Protein backbone atom coordinates (compact mmCIF):
# COMPACT_ATOMS: atom_id res chain seq x y z
CA MET A 1 -24.37 78.68 55.97
CA GLY A 2 -26.77 79.75 53.25
CA ALA A 3 -25.23 79.89 49.85
CA SER A 4 -21.86 78.57 51.05
CA ARG A 5 -23.44 75.16 52.31
CA PRO A 6 -22.95 73.30 48.90
CA ALA A 7 -19.37 74.37 48.62
CA LEU A 8 -18.60 73.43 52.25
CA MET A 9 -20.18 69.95 51.68
CA VAL A 10 -17.99 69.28 48.69
CA LEU A 11 -14.89 70.31 50.49
CA MET A 12 -15.76 68.15 53.50
CA GLY A 13 -16.13 65.25 51.10
CA ALA A 14 -12.81 66.03 49.47
CA VAL A 15 -11.30 66.09 53.03
CA GLY A 16 -12.79 62.64 53.68
CA PHE A 17 -11.29 61.30 50.36
CA LEU A 18 -7.89 62.75 51.16
CA LEU A 19 -8.06 61.12 54.73
CA LEU A 20 -8.83 57.69 53.08
CA ILE A 21 -5.88 58.09 50.68
CA VAL A 22 -3.56 58.86 53.74
CA CYS A 23 -4.82 55.95 55.52
CA ALA A 24 -4.39 53.55 52.49
CA ASN A 25 -0.82 54.83 52.14
CA MET A 26 -0.17 54.16 55.92
CA ALA A 27 -1.64 50.77 55.46
CA ASN A 28 0.53 50.22 52.52
CA LEU A 29 3.70 51.37 54.26
CA LEU A 30 3.11 49.09 57.26
CA LEU A 31 2.24 46.06 54.92
CA ALA A 32 5.37 46.57 52.93
CA ARG A 33 7.57 46.94 56.03
CA LEU A 34 6.05 43.80 57.55
CA SER A 35 6.64 41.79 54.40
CA SER A 36 10.23 42.61 54.54
CA ARG A 37 10.38 41.67 58.23
CA ARG A 38 8.48 38.35 58.06
CA ARG A 39 11.46 36.14 59.39
CA GLU A 40 11.90 38.83 62.22
CA MET A 41 8.25 38.75 62.98
CA ALA A 42 8.09 34.97 63.04
CA VAL A 43 10.48 34.91 66.04
CA PRO A 44 7.83 35.76 68.68
CA GLY A 45 5.49 33.23 67.29
CA ALA A 46 8.26 30.58 67.40
CA LEU A 47 8.79 31.36 71.04
CA GLY A 48 5.01 30.97 71.80
CA ALA A 49 3.63 34.42 71.53
CA SER A 50 -0.11 34.84 70.78
CA ARG A 51 -1.40 36.47 67.72
CA TRP A 52 -2.28 39.55 69.61
CA GLU A 53 1.20 39.76 71.17
CA VAL A 54 2.61 39.48 67.56
CA ALA A 55 0.12 42.25 66.25
CA LYS A 56 0.49 44.61 69.23
CA PRO A 57 3.74 46.34 68.33
CA ILE A 58 2.35 46.84 64.73
CA VAL A 59 -0.80 48.52 66.22
CA ALA A 60 1.24 50.59 68.40
CA GLU A 61 3.47 51.75 65.46
CA SER A 62 0.38 52.63 63.63
CA LEU A 63 -1.04 54.58 66.61
CA LEU A 64 2.19 56.47 66.92
CA LEU A 65 2.14 57.48 63.12
CA SER A 66 -1.53 58.48 63.50
CA LEU A 67 -1.02 60.63 66.53
CA ALA A 68 2.05 62.36 65.09
CA GLY A 69 0.02 63.20 61.98
CA GLY A 70 -2.78 64.37 64.13
CA VAL A 71 -0.51 66.76 65.97
CA PHE A 72 1.11 68.08 62.72
CA GLY A 73 -2.42 68.53 61.35
CA LEU A 74 -3.52 70.54 64.39
CA LEU A 75 -0.37 72.85 63.86
CA ALA A 76 -1.37 73.29 60.17
CA ALA A 77 -4.95 73.94 61.16
CA PHE A 78 -3.70 76.56 63.60
CA GLY A 79 -1.64 78.33 60.96
CA GLY A 80 -4.49 78.12 58.41
CA LEU A 81 -6.87 79.61 61.01
CA ARG A 82 -4.53 82.52 61.51
CA LEU A 83 -4.30 83.09 57.80
CA LEU A 84 -8.06 82.97 57.26
CA SER A 85 -8.51 85.50 60.32
CA SER A 86 -6.31 87.97 58.50
CA LEU A 87 -8.71 88.15 55.59
CA PRO A 88 -10.90 91.31 55.36
CA GLU A 89 -14.10 91.27 57.36
CA GLY A 90 -17.12 89.65 55.64
CA GLN A 91 -15.33 87.70 53.01
CA LEU A 92 -15.76 84.40 55.00
CA PRO A 93 -19.11 83.78 56.71
CA ARG A 94 -19.13 83.43 60.65
CA MET A 95 -15.29 83.65 60.77
CA ASP A 96 -15.72 85.00 64.26
CA GLY A 97 -16.97 81.60 65.44
CA LEU A 98 -13.89 79.55 64.40
CA SER A 99 -11.46 78.44 66.88
CA LEU A 100 -9.38 75.32 67.95
CA ASP A 101 -11.51 74.44 70.87
CA GLY A 102 -11.78 71.30 73.05
CA GLY A 103 -14.24 69.79 70.61
CA VAL A 104 -11.71 70.01 67.76
CA LEU A 105 -9.00 68.43 69.87
CA LEU A 106 -11.33 65.63 70.77
CA PHE A 107 -12.40 65.10 67.24
CA THR A 108 -8.73 64.92 66.04
CA THR A 109 -7.77 62.54 68.71
CA VAL A 110 -10.74 60.27 68.04
CA ILE A 111 -10.04 60.32 64.30
CA SER A 112 -6.28 59.58 64.79
CA ILE A 113 -7.01 56.67 66.95
CA GLY A 114 -9.71 55.43 64.68
CA VAL A 115 -7.53 55.60 61.74
CA ALA A 116 -4.77 53.81 63.55
CA LEU A 117 -6.96 50.99 64.67
CA ALA A 118 -8.88 50.71 61.33
CA PHE A 119 -5.80 50.66 59.11
CA GLY A 120 -3.18 49.38 61.57
CA LEU A 121 -5.13 46.18 62.36
CA LEU A 122 -5.10 45.13 58.62
CA PRO A 123 -1.20 44.69 58.44
CA ALA A 124 -1.18 43.49 62.02
CA LEU A 125 -3.60 40.67 61.41
CA HIS A 126 -1.69 39.89 58.17
CA ALA A 127 1.55 39.57 60.04
CA SER A 128 0.02 37.47 62.76
CA ARG A 129 -1.60 34.92 60.46
CA GLN A 130 1.64 34.09 58.72
CA ASP A 131 2.83 30.46 58.72
CA LEU A 132 5.95 30.20 60.84
CA ARG A 133 7.79 27.74 58.70
CA ASP A 134 7.32 29.83 55.53
CA ASN A 135 8.33 33.09 57.27
CA MET A 136 11.48 31.40 58.61
CA GLN A 137 12.39 30.15 55.12
CA GLU A 138 11.73 33.50 53.24
CA SER A 139 14.72 35.57 52.18
CA SER A 140 15.12 38.93 50.51
CA GLY A 141 15.23 37.37 47.03
CA THR A 142 11.85 35.69 47.04
CA THR A 143 8.87 36.89 45.30
CA GLY A 144 6.98 37.54 48.61
CA SER A 145 3.46 36.69 49.81
CA PRO A 146 0.80 36.79 47.06
CA TYR A 147 -1.65 37.85 49.78
CA ALA A 148 0.53 40.85 50.72
CA ARG A 149 1.16 41.83 47.12
CA GLY A 150 -2.55 41.61 46.44
CA LEU A 151 -3.40 43.79 49.49
CA LEU A 152 -0.78 46.40 48.44
CA SER A 153 -2.05 46.52 44.81
CA GLY A 154 -5.62 46.76 46.07
CA LEU A 155 -4.74 49.68 48.44
CA VAL A 156 -3.04 51.42 45.52
CA VAL A 157 -5.98 50.92 43.22
CA ILE A 158 -8.25 52.61 45.84
CA GLU A 159 -5.81 55.48 46.10
CA VAL A 160 -5.73 56.03 42.40
CA ALA A 161 -9.51 55.98 42.15
CA LEU A 162 -10.03 58.54 45.01
CA ALA A 163 -7.24 60.72 43.59
CA LEU A 164 -9.00 60.65 40.29
CA VAL A 165 -12.26 61.68 41.89
CA LEU A 166 -10.57 64.61 43.47
CA LEU A 167 -8.72 65.61 40.25
CA VAL A 168 -12.09 65.49 38.35
CA GLY A 169 -13.61 67.79 41.07
CA ALA A 170 -10.79 70.12 40.87
CA GLY A 171 -10.91 70.25 37.09
CA LEU A 172 -14.70 71.12 37.21
CA MET A 173 -14.20 73.79 39.90
CA THR A 174 -11.31 75.44 37.90
CA ARG A 175 -13.19 75.54 34.63
CA SER A 176 -16.23 76.86 36.47
CA PHE A 177 -14.17 79.56 38.17
CA SER A 178 -12.44 80.53 35.00
CA LYS A 179 -15.97 80.93 33.23
CA LEU A 180 -17.13 82.95 36.35
CA LEU A 181 -14.28 85.47 36.00
CA LEU A 182 -15.44 86.22 32.39
CA VAL A 183 -18.82 87.18 33.48
CA SER A 184 -19.76 90.83 32.93
CA PRO A 185 -21.55 92.22 36.02
CA GLY A 186 -23.42 94.65 33.97
CA PHE A 187 -21.65 97.77 35.22
CA ASP A 188 -17.94 99.08 35.25
CA SER A 189 -16.33 98.49 38.62
CA THR A 190 -13.19 100.52 37.92
CA ASN A 191 -12.61 103.59 40.03
CA LEU A 192 -15.91 103.31 42.02
CA ILE A 193 -16.33 103.65 45.69
CA ALA A 194 -19.47 103.38 48.01
CA ALA A 195 -20.32 104.52 51.39
CA ARG A 196 -23.18 102.81 53.14
CA VAL A 197 -25.26 105.12 55.26
CA LEU A 198 -28.59 104.52 57.36
CA LEU A 199 -30.37 107.55 58.53
CA PRO A 200 -32.11 107.12 61.96
CA SER A 201 -36.01 107.29 61.75
CA THR A 202 -36.02 109.44 64.99
CA LYS A 203 -34.17 112.15 63.20
CA TYR A 204 -35.10 111.94 59.43
CA GLN A 205 -38.53 111.79 57.97
CA ARG A 206 -39.28 111.13 54.14
CA ALA A 207 -38.62 114.60 52.99
CA THR A 208 -35.58 115.15 54.99
CA GLN A 209 -34.25 111.67 53.84
CA VAL A 210 -34.43 112.91 50.31
CA ARG A 211 -32.71 116.34 51.11
CA PHE A 212 -29.94 114.63 52.95
CA TYR A 213 -28.96 112.34 49.92
CA GLU A 214 -29.47 115.35 47.52
CA ASP A 215 -27.02 117.42 49.45
CA VAL A 216 -24.44 114.63 49.94
CA ILE A 217 -24.58 113.78 46.13
CA GLU A 218 -24.31 117.51 45.15
CA ARG A 219 -21.20 117.96 47.51
CA MET A 220 -19.71 114.79 46.16
CA ARG A 221 -19.96 115.76 42.56
CA ARG A 222 -17.98 118.95 43.40
CA ALA A 223 -15.18 117.22 45.30
CA PRO A 224 -11.74 116.95 43.85
CA GLY A 225 -11.11 113.63 42.09
CA VAL A 226 -14.79 112.73 41.73
CA VAL A 227 -16.21 112.58 38.33
CA ASN A 228 -19.77 111.78 39.20
CA ALA A 229 -21.77 110.61 42.12
CA SER A 230 -25.28 109.22 43.03
CA ALA A 231 -26.96 106.77 45.46
CA VAL A 232 -28.81 103.47 45.42
CA SER A 233 -30.74 101.50 48.14
CA ALA A 234 -28.42 98.35 47.69
CA MET A 235 -25.25 98.11 45.78
CA PRO A 236 -25.00 95.25 43.21
CA LEU A 237 -23.57 92.08 44.43
CA HIS A 238 -24.48 93.16 48.06
CA ASP A 239 -27.33 92.07 50.20
CA VAL A 240 -27.49 94.99 52.54
CA GLY A 241 -30.33 97.16 51.75
CA ALA A 242 -31.88 94.72 49.10
CA ALA A 243 -35.63 94.71 49.39
CA GLY A 244 -35.88 91.33 47.81
CA ALA A 245 -38.33 90.07 45.15
CA LEU A 246 -41.79 91.94 45.33
CA PRO A 247 -45.07 91.08 43.51
CA PHE A 248 -45.96 93.32 40.69
CA ASN A 249 -48.71 93.50 37.88
CA VAL A 250 -49.04 95.19 34.75
CA GLU A 251 -52.08 97.43 34.36
CA GLY A 252 -54.25 96.07 31.52
CA GLN A 253 -52.27 92.88 31.20
CA GLN A 254 -53.12 89.38 32.52
CA PRO A 255 -50.38 87.81 34.56
CA PRO A 256 -48.86 84.56 33.42
CA ALA A 257 -50.89 81.62 34.66
CA THR A 258 -47.69 79.67 35.41
CA GLU A 259 -46.13 82.01 37.69
CA ASP A 260 -46.57 84.79 40.14
CA PRO A 261 -44.71 87.89 38.76
CA LEU A 262 -42.04 89.02 41.08
CA ALA A 263 -39.33 91.65 40.60
CA ASP A 264 -36.43 93.05 42.91
CA VAL A 265 -36.74 96.74 43.61
CA ARG A 266 -34.02 99.28 44.10
CA ILE A 267 -34.24 102.91 44.83
CA VAL A 268 -31.92 105.20 43.07
CA ALA A 269 -31.07 108.80 43.12
CA PRO A 270 -31.07 110.86 40.00
CA GLY A 271 -28.09 110.06 37.71
CA TYR A 272 -27.32 106.59 39.25
CA PHE A 273 -26.88 104.74 36.07
CA GLU A 274 -24.36 107.10 34.57
CA PRO A 275 -21.41 106.72 37.22
CA MET A 276 -22.12 102.95 37.25
CA LYS A 277 -22.06 102.90 33.52
CA ILE A 278 -25.08 100.70 33.25
CA LYS A 279 -26.34 100.53 29.68
CA LEU A 280 -29.56 102.39 28.40
CA LEU A 281 -31.44 100.07 26.03
CA GLU A 282 -34.58 102.00 25.59
CA GLY A 283 -36.23 105.31 26.73
CA ARG A 284 -34.36 107.32 29.23
CA PHE A 285 -32.56 107.05 32.67
CA LEU A 286 -34.14 108.15 35.77
CA ASP A 287 -33.20 111.76 36.58
CA GLU A 288 -34.24 115.20 37.99
CA ARG A 289 -37.52 115.03 36.06
CA ASP A 290 -38.79 112.29 38.28
CA ALA A 291 -39.96 114.64 41.08
CA GLU A 292 -41.92 114.04 44.15
CA VAL A 293 -44.93 115.71 42.44
CA GLY A 294 -45.99 114.58 39.13
CA PRO A 295 -46.36 111.25 37.36
CA ARG A 296 -44.67 108.44 39.24
CA THR A 297 -42.09 106.74 37.13
CA SER A 298 -39.81 103.50 36.93
CA ALA A 299 -37.21 101.82 34.93
CA ILE A 300 -36.86 98.09 34.32
CA ASP A 301 -34.01 95.90 33.28
CA GLU A 302 -33.75 93.81 30.01
CA THR A 303 -34.52 90.53 31.68
CA MET A 304 -38.03 91.88 32.82
CA ALA A 305 -38.70 93.47 29.50
CA ARG A 306 -37.83 90.37 27.67
CA ARG A 307 -39.72 88.13 29.95
CA TYR A 308 -43.02 89.94 30.21
CA PHE A 309 -43.03 92.26 27.10
CA PRO A 310 -41.36 90.07 24.46
CA ASP A 311 -43.48 91.48 21.53
CA ARG A 312 -43.84 95.14 22.47
CA SER A 313 -42.02 98.02 23.98
CA PRO A 314 -42.73 98.46 27.77
CA LEU A 315 -42.29 102.24 27.67
CA GLY A 316 -45.46 103.91 28.89
CA LEU A 317 -46.95 100.90 30.61
CA ILE A 318 -48.07 101.05 34.15
CA ILE A 319 -46.73 98.69 36.69
CA GLN A 320 -47.85 98.30 40.29
CA ASN A 321 -46.01 96.84 43.32
CA PRO A 322 -46.12 97.47 47.08
CA HIS A 323 -44.55 100.93 46.45
CA GLY A 324 -47.43 101.95 44.20
CA LYS A 325 -48.12 102.64 40.54
CA SER A 326 -45.44 103.78 38.28
CA GLN A 327 -44.99 104.30 34.46
CA VAL A 328 -42.03 102.61 32.79
CA VAL A 329 -39.87 105.27 31.22
CA GLY A 330 -36.68 103.42 30.40
CA VAL A 331 -35.08 99.86 29.91
CA VAL A 332 -31.57 99.32 31.20
CA GLY A 333 -29.05 96.64 31.03
CA ASP A 334 -29.02 93.56 33.17
CA VAL A 335 -26.98 93.65 36.45
CA HIS A 336 -25.88 90.57 38.24
CA ASN A 337 -27.08 91.92 41.69
CA GLN A 338 -27.51 88.53 43.47
CA GLY A 339 -24.07 87.19 42.29
CA LEU A 340 -22.02 86.55 39.15
CA ASP A 341 -22.99 82.87 39.22
CA ARG A 342 -26.73 83.62 39.10
CA ASP A 343 -28.70 84.81 36.25
CA PRO A 344 -29.90 88.40 36.51
CA LYS A 345 -33.32 88.72 38.09
CA LYS A 346 -36.13 90.90 37.17
CA GLN A 347 -35.47 94.38 38.41
CA VAL A 348 -37.43 97.51 38.88
CA TYR A 349 -35.82 100.80 39.65
CA LEU A 350 -37.76 103.55 41.39
CA PRO A 351 -36.68 107.20 41.94
CA THR A 352 -35.62 108.04 45.49
CA LYS A 353 -37.76 111.35 45.35
CA GLN A 354 -40.97 109.33 44.89
CA SER A 355 -39.94 106.38 47.11
CA PRO A 356 -37.73 107.76 49.72
CA THR A 357 -35.73 105.27 51.97
CA ALA A 358 -33.43 105.79 55.05
CA GLY A 359 -30.66 103.44 54.03
CA MET A 360 -28.70 104.08 50.79
CA ALA A 361 -25.06 103.65 49.59
CA VAL A 362 -23.55 106.80 48.17
CA VAL A 363 -21.56 105.78 45.09
CA ALA A 364 -18.84 107.93 43.41
CA ARG A 365 -16.77 107.42 40.35
CA THR A 366 -13.25 108.89 40.52
CA ASN A 367 -10.53 109.69 38.08
CA GLN A 368 -7.87 108.15 40.33
CA ASP A 369 -7.57 105.42 42.89
CA PRO A 370 -10.95 105.40 44.61
CA MET A 371 -9.54 104.84 47.98
CA THR A 372 -7.75 108.24 47.79
CA VAL A 373 -11.10 109.85 47.99
CA ALA A 374 -12.38 107.79 50.95
CA ASN A 375 -11.70 110.55 53.32
CA THR A 376 -13.43 113.02 51.06
CA ILE A 377 -16.65 110.92 51.17
CA GLN A 378 -16.49 110.77 54.96
CA ARG A 379 -15.95 114.43 55.27
CA VAL A 380 -18.78 115.23 52.84
CA ILE A 381 -21.22 113.10 54.89
CA TRP A 382 -20.13 114.57 58.17
CA ASP A 383 -20.29 118.19 56.79
CA VAL A 384 -23.97 117.43 56.04
CA ASP A 385 -24.53 115.62 59.30
CA PRO A 386 -21.54 115.40 61.83
CA GLY A 387 -23.20 112.64 63.84
CA GLN A 388 -24.12 110.29 60.94
CA PRO A 389 -22.27 106.92 61.17
CA ILE A 390 -21.00 105.43 57.99
CA TYR A 391 -21.43 101.64 58.23
CA GLU A 392 -19.36 100.54 55.26
CA LEU A 393 -16.87 102.13 52.78
CA SER A 394 -15.76 99.88 49.99
CA THR A 395 -14.56 100.12 46.43
CA MET A 396 -16.55 98.28 43.89
CA ASP A 397 -13.59 96.10 43.01
CA GLN A 398 -13.56 95.04 46.71
CA ILE A 399 -17.35 94.23 46.59
CA LEU A 400 -16.62 92.21 43.38
CA ALA A 401 -13.76 90.39 44.84
CA ARG A 402 -15.86 89.46 47.90
CA ALA A 403 -18.51 88.12 45.55
CA VAL A 404 -16.12 85.55 43.95
CA PHE A 405 -14.23 84.90 47.15
CA LEU A 406 -16.13 81.77 48.10
CA PRO A 407 -15.74 80.09 44.57
CA ARG A 408 -12.05 81.24 44.55
CA LEU A 409 -11.43 79.62 47.95
CA SER A 410 -13.37 76.48 47.04
CA THR A 411 -11.47 76.00 43.82
CA THR A 412 -7.94 76.73 45.54
CA LEU A 413 -8.68 74.29 48.47
CA LEU A 414 -10.08 71.48 46.12
CA ALA A 415 -7.06 72.02 43.80
CA LEU A 416 -4.67 71.62 46.70
CA PHE A 417 -6.55 68.61 47.88
CA ALA A 418 -6.35 67.05 44.44
CA LEU A 419 -2.61 67.83 44.26
CA ALA A 420 -2.01 66.22 47.61
CA ALA A 421 -4.08 63.06 46.52
CA LEU A 422 -2.01 62.91 43.31
CA LEU A 423 1.35 62.99 45.16
CA LEU A 424 0.10 60.43 47.69
CA ALA A 425 -1.07 58.15 44.93
CA ALA A 426 2.27 58.54 43.21
CA LEU A 427 3.96 57.57 46.35
CA GLY A 428 1.67 54.60 46.79
CA ILE A 429 2.45 53.38 43.20
CA TYR A 430 6.26 54.05 43.91
CA GLY A 431 6.10 52.15 47.12
CA VAL A 432 4.33 49.11 45.73
CA LEU A 433 6.60 48.87 42.69
CA SER A 434 9.80 49.30 44.86
CA TYR A 435 8.54 46.57 47.04
CA SER A 436 7.63 44.37 43.94
CA VAL A 437 11.12 44.85 42.57
CA SER A 438 12.79 44.12 45.75
CA GLN A 439 10.83 40.89 46.27
CA ARG A 440 11.34 39.76 42.66
CA THR A 441 15.19 40.43 42.49
CA ARG A 442 15.82 36.59 41.70
CA GLY A 443 13.18 36.44 38.99
CA ILE A 444 14.52 39.60 37.30
CA GLY A 445 18.11 38.29 37.63
CA LEU A 446 17.15 35.07 35.96
CA ARG A 447 15.28 36.72 33.20
CA MET A 448 18.54 38.85 32.51
CA ALA A 449 20.72 35.82 32.69
CA LEU A 450 18.51 34.10 30.10
CA GLY A 451 19.04 37.10 27.66
CA ALA A 452 16.46 39.64 28.79
CA SER A 453 17.57 43.18 28.23
CA GLY A 454 17.35 46.12 30.67
CA GLY A 455 14.60 47.56 28.48
CA ASN A 456 12.55 44.46 28.84
CA THR A 457 12.69 44.62 32.73
CA VAL A 458 11.94 48.30 32.71
CA ALA A 459 8.88 47.83 30.48
CA LEU A 460 7.69 45.03 32.87
CA VAL A 461 7.68 47.47 35.85
CA VAL A 462 6.12 50.31 33.85
CA LYS A 463 3.49 47.82 32.62
CA SER A 464 2.68 47.02 36.24
CA SER A 465 2.15 50.67 37.00
CA VAL A 466 0.00 51.24 34.01
CA MET A 467 -2.21 48.26 35.02
CA LEU A 468 -2.66 49.66 38.51
CA VAL A 469 -3.41 53.14 37.22
CA ALA A 470 -5.83 51.68 34.60
CA ILE A 471 -7.86 49.57 37.00
CA GLY A 472 -7.90 52.44 39.60
CA GLY A 473 -8.88 55.03 36.83
CA VAL A 474 -11.80 52.93 35.79
CA VAL A 475 -13.05 52.72 39.32
CA GLY A 476 -12.41 56.45 39.77
CA LEU A 477 -14.19 57.37 36.70
CA VAL A 478 -17.24 55.50 37.69
CA ALA A 479 -17.18 57.13 41.11
CA ALA A 480 -16.50 60.52 39.73
CA THR A 481 -19.43 60.17 37.34
CA LEU A 482 -21.76 59.21 40.26
CA LEU A 483 -20.47 61.96 42.58
CA ALA A 484 -20.14 64.86 40.04
CA ARG A 485 -23.80 65.54 40.02
CA SER A 486 -23.59 66.75 43.71
CA MET A 487 -21.18 69.60 42.52
CA GLN A 488 -23.85 70.91 40.12
CA GLY A 489 -25.04 73.58 42.58
CA ILE A 490 -21.61 75.21 42.68
CA LEU A 491 -20.73 74.96 39.10
CA TYR A 492 -21.11 77.94 36.70
CA GLY A 493 -21.11 77.44 32.85
CA VAL A 494 -19.75 73.88 33.12
CA GLY A 495 -21.86 70.68 33.38
CA PRO A 496 -21.07 68.09 36.09
CA PHE A 497 -20.05 65.62 33.26
CA ASP A 498 -17.66 67.99 31.47
CA ILE A 499 -15.57 65.77 29.18
CA PRO A 500 -12.50 67.95 29.10
CA SER A 501 -12.20 67.79 32.94
CA PHE A 502 -12.56 64.08 33.09
CA ALA A 503 -10.14 63.52 30.19
CA LEU A 504 -7.44 65.88 31.71
CA ALA A 505 -7.75 64.19 35.10
CA ALA A 506 -7.34 60.75 33.65
CA THR A 507 -4.41 61.89 31.42
CA THR A 508 -2.71 63.51 34.44
CA LEU A 509 -3.13 60.49 36.61
CA MET A 510 -1.71 58.12 34.04
CA MET A 511 1.21 60.35 33.37
CA THR A 512 1.86 60.60 37.16
CA GLY A 513 1.79 56.66 37.44
CA VAL A 514 4.19 56.30 34.69
CA ALA A 515 6.56 58.82 36.22
CA ALA A 516 6.21 57.18 39.61
CA SER A 517 7.39 53.84 38.12
CA VAL A 518 10.70 55.23 36.61
CA LEU A 519 12.81 54.82 39.61
CA PRO A 520 11.69 51.33 40.61
CA ALA A 521 11.99 50.32 36.74
CA LEU A 522 15.53 51.73 36.58
CA ARG A 523 16.52 49.70 39.69
CA THR A 524 15.79 46.42 37.70
CA THR A 525 18.66 47.41 35.37
CA ARG A 526 21.16 47.22 38.19
CA VAL A 527 20.19 43.69 39.30
CA ASP A 528 23.22 41.42 39.02
CA PRO A 529 22.29 38.09 37.26
CA MET A 530 25.17 36.22 38.93
CA ILE A 531 23.88 37.13 42.34
CA ALA A 532 20.44 35.93 41.38
CA LEU A 533 21.73 32.71 40.00
CA ARG A 534 23.83 32.14 43.25
CA GLU A 535 20.62 32.84 45.43
CA GLN A 536 18.82 30.36 42.99
CA CYS A 537 21.51 27.67 43.55
CA VAL A 538 21.57 27.79 47.43
CA ARG A 539 18.54 28.93 49.43
CA PRO A 540 18.84 29.35 53.30
CA GLY A 541 17.70 26.04 54.80
CA SER A 542 17.69 23.92 51.61
CA ARG A 543 20.14 21.98 49.54
CA PRO A 544 21.44 23.21 46.07
CA ARG A 545 18.91 22.48 43.40
CA LEU A 546 20.66 23.67 40.33
CA ARG A 547 22.42 20.83 38.36
CA ALA A 548 24.90 21.17 35.52
CA ARG A 549 23.31 20.13 32.11
CA SER A 550 25.05 20.00 28.85
CA VAL A 551 24.13 22.49 26.39
């Protein structure tokens, strides 16, 4: 997995949270349905049925819901897999190994059954433990079981807390990705195209390697539509051809006691920095003067100059690495070779005539869409050597897009998970409030009969929603604070405790909670006080209790 592992772990955690929210919603649905069917559920018990016989239909219903959800999930996964397989090769690591095999089907089945048992047993046990006499005397106008109301409210609080954690995570990723897009890579990617070539060692030796690339570059510079061309051992933001960090030392200078000096090395053809539009800060670029015979030369980047030569110019100094000794003749701008989300590493550039290499990327800047000269690059390379393979042909914009693909995908998926969690939490709040209003019809009617206005009853329901969201929000903020640190490895330019992300998530959740309470709150204004009084006067199975009094 490499660099993608932290992002995948965060996404797996988000999927787990979303699954818990779905399970809590399912348990809420079953609890609410059972609470409205208490008299019906009491009949089997009255006829001598055991607790398991009472609970069995509820577990079966839960199992049916879970398996249906699993089937729809597999269909969605199949569609998502087809969508991912249509992505350009290399954008998603190990894409060729992804498939819906028997292991995935078994895992989905086990999860579906496990969810049904874990969250279906709770409503089932609640239904089977109800007192027979109480259930038979309940009517639709009663206030309902306090135990059931507590369970429903508790599950909603859990949903709200988990939704807030996902919202905070999505906010952090979105802010991080927006800052990542503002990072300058250190070069101009517009109208750049590169072709990767690896010369076989059986056919090309050091001298012939240099001549091959010189010939290709010279022909490319004369090709129509090409402004300039050169070559480099490894393109920026691309791992292929990169030699990695190599040790070095500066002649006449003691290395720092706290670290072993390391710097990445790239081999460049003459004129490489000009088509890439990498800035020259001091000295000169590597060019035709850096020949095979004569003084060995090199250029370094700004990060290396600032780190090891903060008080003097590095020009003229001799550095030594596994490629040999070379004199620094130029300092160039930093390039994010390892990724936009990583600080530029110390970089040494060596001329290809003095350090030949078999594998290089021929890069060309064009005055038109770079893909229009793709055939020209192929033709030029095959004119020099008809049998030479071209292993990769990409524009620099495509390479740049691949470099931010994983952060973009992670941000998009986490935002979708957070949106789904928000909608599920809103449904949970709506369901609990609707259940509460239906169970408190008599109480609301009595309030209105005693002079309460519709606004008072609406405020009562909205207050209940705000209380649920507030409690869940506090729990969610604590959980998000504890879990945000795990995202530190995939964030750029944003701390794990970014206050705007937390504040926006909490505000969004509170507004959603209030919006979810609107319809249940408006239902209270349609309660007829006379019906409520009539139900208060005569309950099923009891004598009238309301007596006339003089006022």
